[in-house]
Amino acid sequence: MFKRKEKGRVELQQIHSIEAALVASNSEEIGLQGELFAFQIGYQADNDYTLYLLAFKDEDRIDWILALRQACVKNKNLRNRYHFGIWNGKKWNCCRNNGRDSLGCENSTTWRNNQDSNESKDKDKDSDKENNSIKTVCLRDLSY
């Protein structure tokens, strides 16, 4: 029997970047109504890929980014730079670079490991403050 290649799955250890994204299309173009909040997952399989995802609320996008980052924080292939735009088949729309696998044009935001459950309550409060600031720092205003 012929076994088809599974589609739609990204192994967590392959992920190298998780960031907010600038998506040029509007909601009508993709058949959805209302404002959409994009984010991207960069990963390395046989080639370098970027998966673009949409959330209906900014809070949902933030939650997805932080949850995925926590799951991938120990990956060995995390990158310092990323493209916040979209690859259109010829160039990145953020920086106009025509190399598909070129180094990103923006600095990646900081990855933090929030899995250490042995920290004191004071450290947890400080961590909560840091997480709130991460939410502000890691997301780009997509309204422009």
N, C-alpha and C. Protein backbone atom coordinates (compact mmCIF):
# COMPACT_ATOMS: atom_id res chain seq x y z
N MET A 1 0.85 -1.18 0.00
CA MET A 1 0.00 0.00 0.00
C MET A 1 0.90 1.24 0.00
N PHE A 2 0.50 2.25 -0.78
CA PHE A 2 1.24 3.51 -0.87
C PHE A 2 0.99 4.35 0.37
N LYS A 3 2.07 4.81 0.99
CA LYS A 3 1.96 5.63 2.19
C LYS A 3 2.25 7.08 1.81
N ARG A 4 1.28 7.96 2.02
CA ARG A 4 1.44 9.37 1.69
C ARG A 4 2.23 10.10 2.77
N LYS A 5 2.93 11.15 2.35
CA LYS A 5 3.66 11.97 3.30
C LYS A 5 2.67 12.82 4.08
N GLU A 6 2.82 12.83 5.39
CA GLU A 6 1.94 13.61 6.24
C GLU A 6 2.15 15.10 5.99
N LYS A 7 1.07 15.85 5.93
CA LYS A 7 1.13 17.30 5.73
C LYS A 7 0.55 18.00 6.94
N GLY A 8 1.01 19.21 7.16
CA GLY A 8 0.42 20.02 8.21
C GLY A 8 1.03 19.84 9.58
N ARG A 9 2.19 19.24 9.67
CA ARG A 9 2.83 19.03 10.96
C ARG A 9 4.24 19.60 10.93
N VAL A 10 4.56 20.36 11.96
CA VAL A 10 5.92 20.89 12.13
C VAL A 10 6.45 20.35 13.44
N GLU A 11 7.57 19.68 13.39
CA GLU A 11 8.19 19.16 14.61
C GLU A 11 8.74 20.33 15.42
N LEU A 12 8.46 20.36 16.71
CA LEU A 12 8.88 21.48 17.55
C LEU A 12 10.38 21.72 17.51
N GLN A 13 11.18 20.66 17.45
CA GLN A 13 12.64 20.82 17.45
C GLN A 13 13.15 21.46 16.17
N GLN A 14 12.34 21.53 15.12
CA GLN A 14 12.74 22.16 13.86
C GLN A 14 12.52 23.68 13.87
N ILE A 15 11.77 24.18 14.83
CA ILE A 15 11.41 25.60 14.87
C ILE A 15 12.62 26.44 15.28
N HIS A 16 12.87 27.51 14.53
CA HIS A 16 13.97 28.42 14.84
C HIS A 16 13.51 29.84 15.13
N SER A 17 12.27 30.19 14.81
CA SER A 17 11.77 31.52 15.12
C SER A 17 10.26 31.53 15.22
N ILE A 18 9.76 32.34 16.14
CA ILE A 18 8.32 32.55 16.32
C ILE A 18 8.14 34.03 16.60
N GLU A 19 7.52 34.73 15.68
CA GLU A 19 7.41 36.18 15.78
C GLU A 19 6.08 36.66 15.20
N ALA A 20 5.71 37.88 15.54
CA ALA A 20 4.58 38.52 14.87
C ALA A 20 4.97 38.74 13.41
N ALA A 21 3.98 38.83 12.55
CA ALA A 21 4.26 38.98 11.11
C ALA A 21 3.44 40.13 10.54
N LEU A 22 3.95 40.70 9.48
CA LEU A 22 3.26 41.73 8.73
C LEU A 22 2.65 41.07 7.50
N VAL A 23 1.34 40.95 7.49
CA VAL A 23 0.65 40.32 6.37
C VAL A 23 -0.05 41.41 5.58
N ALA A 24 0.24 41.49 4.30
CA ALA A 24 -0.26 42.57 3.45
C ALA A 24 -1.71 42.38 3.03
N SER A 25 -2.22 41.17 3.03
CA SER A 25 -3.58 40.94 2.55
C SER A 25 -4.59 41.35 3.61
N ASN A 26 -5.78 41.68 3.16
CA ASN A 26 -6.84 42.02 4.11
C ASN A 26 -7.74 40.80 4.31
N SER A 27 -8.62 40.90 5.29
CA SER A 27 -9.43 39.74 5.66
C SER A 27 -10.37 39.30 4.54
N GLU A 28 -10.84 40.21 3.71
CA GLU A 28 -11.74 39.84 2.61
C GLU A 28 -11.02 38.97 1.58
N GLU A 29 -9.72 39.24 1.37
CA GLU A 29 -8.96 38.47 0.39
C GLU A 29 -8.85 37.00 0.77
N ILE A 30 -8.86 36.71 2.06
CA ILE A 30 -8.72 35.32 2.48
C ILE A 30 -10.02 34.73 2.99
N GLY A 31 -11.12 35.48 2.82
CA GLY A 31 -12.45 34.95 3.12
C GLY A 31 -12.84 35.00 4.58
N LEU A 32 -12.20 35.83 5.37
CA LEU A 32 -12.55 35.97 6.78
C LEU A 32 -12.94 37.41 7.06
N GLN A 33 -13.80 37.60 8.04
CA GLN A 33 -14.23 38.95 8.37
C GLN A 33 -13.57 39.41 9.66
N GLY A 34 -13.34 40.72 9.76
CA GLY A 34 -12.77 41.30 10.95
C GLY A 34 -11.25 41.43 10.86
N GLU A 35 -10.69 42.07 11.87
CA GLU A 35 -9.24 42.27 11.92
C GLU A 35 -8.55 40.95 12.27
N LEU A 36 -7.43 40.71 11.62
CA LEU A 36 -6.67 39.49 11.86
C LEU A 36 -5.28 39.85 12.37
N PHE A 37 -4.73 39.00 13.22
CA PHE A 37 -3.43 39.24 13.83
C PHE A 37 -2.51 38.09 13.44
N ALA A 38 -1.52 38.41 12.62
CA ALA A 38 -0.65 37.38 12.04
C ALA A 38 0.58 37.13 12.90
N PHE A 39 1.03 35.89 12.86
CA PHE A 39 2.33 35.54 13.42
C PHE A 39 2.94 34.46 12.55
N GLN A 40 4.24 34.26 12.71
CA GLN A 40 4.94 33.32 11.85
C GLN A 40 5.79 32.35 12.66
N ILE A 41 5.92 31.17 12.09
CA ILE A 41 6.79 30.15 12.67
C ILE A 41 7.81 29.79 11.59
N GLY A 42 9.07 30.05 11.88
CA GLY A 42 10.14 29.67 10.96
C GLY A 42 10.70 28.33 11.40
N TYR A 43 10.90 27.43 10.46
CA TYR A 43 11.44 26.11 10.80
C TYR A 43 12.29 25.57 9.66
N GLN A 44 13.18 24.66 10.03
CA GLN A 44 14.10 24.04 9.09
C GLN A 44 13.77 22.56 9.00
N ALA A 45 13.29 22.14 7.84
CA ALA A 45 13.09 20.71 7.57
C ALA A 45 14.11 20.34 6.50
N ASP A 46 13.68 19.94 5.32
CA ASP A 46 14.63 19.71 4.24
C ASP A 46 15.09 21.06 3.66
N ASN A 47 14.27 22.09 3.77
CA ASN A 47 14.59 23.47 3.41
C ASN A 47 14.15 24.37 4.56
N ASP A 48 14.39 25.67 4.39
CA ASP A 48 13.93 26.65 5.38
C ASP A 48 12.52 27.08 4.99
N TYR A 49 11.59 27.04 5.94
CA TYR A 49 10.20 27.39 5.68
C TYR A 49 9.70 28.40 6.69
N THR A 50 8.67 29.15 6.28
CA THR A 50 7.98 30.05 7.19
C THR A 50 6.49 29.77 7.07
N LEU A 51 5.86 29.45 8.18
CA LEU A 51 4.43 29.18 8.25
C LEU A 51 3.76 30.42 8.82
N TYR A 52 2.78 30.97 8.12
CA TYR A 52 2.06 32.15 8.58
C TYR A 52 0.72 31.72 9.14
N LEU A 53 0.40 32.21 10.34
CA LEU A 53 -0.84 31.86 11.01
C LEU A 53 -1.58 33.13 11.37
N LEU A 54 -2.91 33.04 11.47
CA LEU A 54 -3.73 34.19 11.79
C LEU A 54 -4.55 33.91 13.04
N ALA A 55 -4.63 34.91 13.91
CA ALA A 55 -5.48 34.85 15.09
C ALA A 55 -6.54 35.93 14.95
N PHE A 56 -7.70 35.71 15.54
CA PHE A 56 -8.77 36.70 15.47
C PHE A 56 -8.61 37.81 16.48
N LYS A 57 -7.83 37.56 17.55
CA LYS A 57 -7.60 38.57 18.58
C LYS A 57 -6.10 38.68 18.86
N ASP A 58 -5.66 39.88 19.20
CA ASP A 58 -4.25 40.09 19.53
C ASP A 58 -3.85 39.26 20.75
N GLU A 59 -4.75 39.12 21.71
CA GLU A 59 -4.46 38.32 22.90
C GLU A 59 -4.20 36.87 22.54
N ASP A 60 -4.96 36.36 21.58
CA ASP A 60 -4.75 34.98 21.13
C ASP A 60 -3.40 34.84 20.46
N ARG A 61 -3.03 35.82 19.65
CA ARG A 61 -1.72 35.77 19.00
C ARG A 61 -0.61 35.77 20.04
N ILE A 62 -0.72 36.62 21.02
CA ILE A 62 0.27 36.69 22.10
C ILE A 62 0.37 35.35 22.82
N ASP A 63 -0.78 34.77 23.15
CA ASP A 63 -0.80 33.49 23.85
C ASP A 63 -0.13 32.39 23.02
N TRP A 64 -0.42 32.35 21.72
CA TRP A 64 0.20 31.35 20.85
C TRP A 64 1.70 31.55 20.77
N ILE A 65 2.14 32.78 20.58
CA ILE A 65 3.58 33.05 20.48
C ILE A 65 4.29 32.62 21.76
N LEU A 66 3.76 33.02 22.90
CA LEU A 66 4.42 32.70 24.17
C LEU A 66 4.40 31.20 24.46
N ALA A 67 3.28 30.52 24.16
CA ALA A 67 3.20 29.08 24.40
C ALA A 67 4.17 28.31 23.50
N LEU A 68 4.22 28.68 22.24
CA LEU A 68 5.14 28.00 21.32
C LEU A 68 6.59 28.28 21.69
N ARG A 69 6.88 29.51 22.09
CA ARG A 69 8.25 29.82 22.50
C ARG A 69 8.66 29.02 23.72
N GLN A 70 7.74 28.88 24.66
CA GLN A 70 8.07 28.11 25.86
C GLN A 70 8.36 26.66 25.48
N ALA A 71 7.61 26.12 24.53
CA ALA A 71 7.83 24.74 24.11
C ALA A 71 9.14 24.58 23.34
N CYS A 72 9.64 25.65 22.73
CA CYS A 72 10.82 25.57 21.86
C CYS A 72 12.05 26.28 22.42
N VAL A 73 11.98 26.76 23.63
CA VAL A 73 13.04 27.62 24.18
C VAL A 73 14.40 26.94 24.22
N LYS A 74 14.44 25.63 24.28
CA LYS A 74 15.73 24.92 24.35
C LYS A 74 16.21 24.40 23.00
N ASN A 75 15.51 24.77 21.93
CA ASN A 75 15.95 24.33 20.60
C ASN A 75 17.35 24.84 20.31
N LYS A 76 18.12 24.04 19.62
CA LYS A 76 19.52 24.39 19.32
C LYS A 76 19.67 25.31 18.12
N ASN A 77 18.61 25.46 17.33
CA ASN A 77 18.72 26.21 16.09
C ASN A 77 18.01 27.57 16.12
N LEU A 78 17.77 28.14 17.31
CA LEU A 78 17.08 29.42 17.41
C LEU A 78 17.88 30.51 16.70
N ARG A 79 17.19 31.40 16.05
CA ARG A 79 17.85 32.43 15.25
C ARG A 79 17.74 33.81 15.91
N ASN A 80 18.75 34.64 15.63
CA ASN A 80 18.79 36.00 16.18
C ASN A 80 18.03 37.00 15.31
N ARG A 81 17.78 36.64 14.06
CA ARG A 81 17.14 37.56 13.12
C ARG A 81 16.04 36.84 12.35
N TYR A 82 15.08 37.63 11.85
CA TYR A 82 13.97 37.07 11.08
C TYR A 82 13.45 38.14 10.12
N HIS A 83 12.66 37.73 9.15
CA HIS A 83 11.97 38.65 8.25
C HIS A 83 10.54 38.80 8.75
N PHE A 84 10.10 40.02 9.01
CA PHE A 84 8.74 40.22 9.50
C PHE A 84 7.73 40.26 8.36
N GLY A 85 8.20 40.33 7.14
CA GLY A 85 7.32 40.34 5.97
C GLY A 85 7.13 38.95 5.40
N ILE A 86 6.63 38.92 4.16
CA ILE A 86 6.32 37.67 3.50
C ILE A 86 7.23 37.49 2.29
N TRP A 87 7.66 36.26 2.07
CA TRP A 87 8.40 35.89 0.86
C TRP A 87 7.38 35.72 -0.26
N ASN A 88 7.52 36.48 -1.34
CA ASN A 88 6.53 36.42 -2.42
C ASN A 88 6.96 35.54 -3.59
N GLY A 89 8.00 34.76 -3.41
CA GLY A 89 8.51 33.90 -4.46
C GLY A 89 9.72 34.48 -5.16
N LYS A 90 9.92 35.80 -5.00
CA LYS A 90 11.07 36.48 -5.61
C LYS A 90 11.88 37.29 -4.61
N LYS A 91 11.19 37.85 -3.61
CA LYS A 91 11.88 38.66 -2.60
C LYS A 91 11.00 38.79 -1.35
N TRP A 92 11.65 39.21 -0.27
CA TRP A 92 10.94 39.50 0.98
C TRP A 92 10.28 40.86 0.83
N ASN A 93 9.01 41.01 1.23
CA ASN A 93 8.35 42.30 1.10
C ASN A 93 8.72 43.28 2.22
N CYS A 94 9.47 42.83 3.21
CA CYS A 94 9.87 43.72 4.30
C CYS A 94 11.15 44.48 3.97
N CYS A 95 12.11 43.83 3.37
CA CYS A 95 13.42 44.45 3.11
C CYS A 95 13.82 44.39 1.65
N ARG A 96 13.00 43.74 0.83
CA ARG A 96 13.25 43.61 -0.61
C ARG A 96 14.46 42.73 -0.94
N ASN A 97 14.97 41.99 0.04
CA ASN A 97 16.08 41.08 -0.21
C ASN A 97 15.58 39.95 -1.09
N ASN A 98 16.36 39.56 -2.10
CA ASN A 98 15.91 38.53 -3.02
C ASN A 98 16.48 37.14 -2.73
N GLY A 99 17.11 36.96 -1.58
CA GLY A 99 17.59 35.64 -1.18
C GLY A 99 16.62 34.98 -0.23
N ARG A 100 16.03 33.88 -0.64
CA ARG A 100 15.02 33.18 0.17
C ARG A 100 15.54 32.83 1.56
N ASP A 101 16.78 32.37 1.64
CA ASP A 101 17.34 31.96 2.93
C ASP A 101 18.28 33.01 3.50
N SER A 102 18.07 34.27 3.13
CA SER A 102 18.93 35.34 3.64
C SER A 102 18.68 35.58 5.13
N LEU A 103 19.70 36.10 5.79
CA LEU A 103 19.58 36.46 7.20
C LEU A 103 18.46 37.49 7.34
N GLY A 104 17.66 37.40 8.36
CA GLY A 104 16.53 38.30 8.54
C GLY A 104 16.92 39.76 8.63
N CYS A 105 15.95 40.63 8.45
CA CYS A 105 16.20 42.07 8.48
C CYS A 105 15.83 42.69 9.83
N GLU A 106 15.25 41.92 10.73
CA GLU A 106 14.87 42.39 12.07
C GLU A 106 15.50 41.49 13.12
N ASN A 107 15.82 42.08 14.27
CA ASN A 107 16.29 41.28 15.39
C ASN A 107 15.12 40.49 15.98
N SER A 108 15.37 39.24 16.29
CA SER A 108 14.35 38.44 16.97
C SER A 108 14.19 38.94 18.39
N THR A 109 13.02 38.74 18.93
CA THR A 109 12.81 39.11 20.33
C THR A 109 13.39 38.01 21.22
N THR A 110 13.56 38.31 22.46
CA THR A 110 14.24 37.42 23.40
C THR A 110 13.38 36.21 23.72
N TRP A 111 14.04 35.06 23.73
CA TRP A 111 13.40 33.82 24.17
C TRP A 111 13.70 33.66 25.64
N ARG A 112 12.71 33.27 26.42
CA ARG A 112 12.90 33.06 27.85
C ARG A 112 12.39 31.69 28.23
N ASN A 113 13.08 31.08 29.18
CA ASN A 113 12.65 29.78 29.70
C ASN A 113 11.86 30.02 30.97
N ASN A 114 10.56 29.80 30.92
CA ASN A 114 9.68 30.00 32.08
C ASN A 114 9.31 28.67 32.73
N GLN A 115 10.09 27.62 32.51
CA GLN A 115 9.72 26.29 33.00
C GLN A 115 10.28 25.97 34.37
N ASP A 116 11.13 26.82 34.92
CA ASP A 116 11.74 26.53 36.21
C ASP A 116 10.73 26.76 37.32
N SER A 117 10.16 25.68 37.84
CA SER A 117 9.11 25.80 38.86
C SER A 117 9.67 25.93 40.26
N ASN A 118 10.98 25.91 40.43
CA ASN A 118 11.58 26.00 41.76
C ASN A 118 11.87 27.43 42.18
N GLU A 119 11.49 28.42 41.37
CA GLU A 119 11.75 29.81 41.72
C GLU A 119 10.83 30.25 42.84
N SER A 120 11.27 31.24 43.59
CA SER A 120 10.45 31.76 44.68
C SER A 120 9.30 32.58 44.14
N LYS A 121 8.32 32.90 45.02
CA LYS A 121 7.17 33.69 44.60
C LYS A 121 7.58 35.08 44.14
N ASP A 122 8.62 35.67 44.79
CA ASP A 122 9.09 36.98 44.36
C ASP A 122 9.64 36.93 42.95
N LYS A 123 10.38 35.88 42.66
CA LYS A 123 10.92 35.74 41.31
C LYS A 123 9.80 35.52 40.32
N ASP A 124 8.74 34.80 40.74
CA ASP A 124 7.59 34.58 39.85
C ASP A 124 6.90 35.90 39.54
N LYS A 125 6.79 36.78 40.56
CA LYS A 125 6.19 38.08 40.32
C LYS A 125 7.02 38.88 39.34
N ASP A 126 8.35 38.85 39.52
CA ASP A 126 9.23 39.54 38.58
C ASP A 126 9.10 38.93 37.18
N SER A 127 8.98 37.61 37.13
CA SER A 127 8.84 36.93 35.85
C SER A 127 7.54 37.33 35.17
N ASP A 128 6.45 37.46 35.96
CA ASP A 128 5.18 37.90 35.38
C ASP A 128 5.31 39.28 34.78
N LYS A 129 6.04 40.16 35.47
CA LYS A 129 6.26 41.51 34.93
C LYS A 129 7.05 41.42 33.63
N GLU A 130 8.08 40.56 33.61
CA GLU A 130 8.87 40.39 32.38
C GLU A 130 8.01 39.83 31.26
N ASN A 131 7.15 38.85 31.56
CA ASN A 131 6.29 38.28 30.53
C ASN A 131 5.36 39.32 29.94
N ASN A 132 4.82 40.19 30.80
CA ASN A 132 3.96 41.25 30.29
C ASN A 132 4.74 42.18 29.38
N SER A 133 5.99 42.47 29.72
CA SER A 133 6.78 43.35 28.85
C SER A 133 7.18 42.62 27.58
N ILE A 134 7.36 41.29 27.65
CA ILE A 134 7.66 40.52 26.45
C ILE A 134 6.49 40.63 25.47
N LYS A 135 5.28 40.56 25.98
CA LYS A 135 4.12 40.67 25.10
C LYS A 135 4.15 41.99 24.34
N THR A 136 4.54 43.04 25.02
CA THR A 136 4.59 44.34 24.38
C THR A 136 5.73 44.42 23.38
N VAL A 137 6.88 43.87 23.74
CA VAL A 137 8.07 43.97 22.90
C VAL A 137 7.99 43.06 21.69
N CYS A 138 7.46 41.84 21.85
CA CYS A 138 7.58 40.86 20.78
C CYS A 138 6.59 41.07 19.66
N LEU A 139 5.58 41.87 19.86
CA LEU A 139 4.57 42.02 18.83
C LEU A 139 4.67 43.37 18.14
N ARG A 140 4.69 43.30 16.85
CA ARG A 140 4.77 44.48 15.99
C ARG A 140 3.35 44.96 15.73
N ASP A 141 3.16 46.26 15.69
CA ASP A 141 1.86 46.82 15.37
C ASP A 141 1.58 46.55 13.89
N LEU A 142 0.57 45.75 13.61
CA LEU A 142 0.29 45.35 12.24
C LEU A 142 -0.71 46.27 11.55
N SER A 143 -1.06 47.38 12.19
CA SER A 143 -2.07 48.25 11.61
C SER A 143 -1.54 49.18 10.54
N TYR A 144 -0.22 49.23 10.34
CA TYR A 144 0.30 50.16 9.32
C TYR A 144 0.46 49.52 7.98
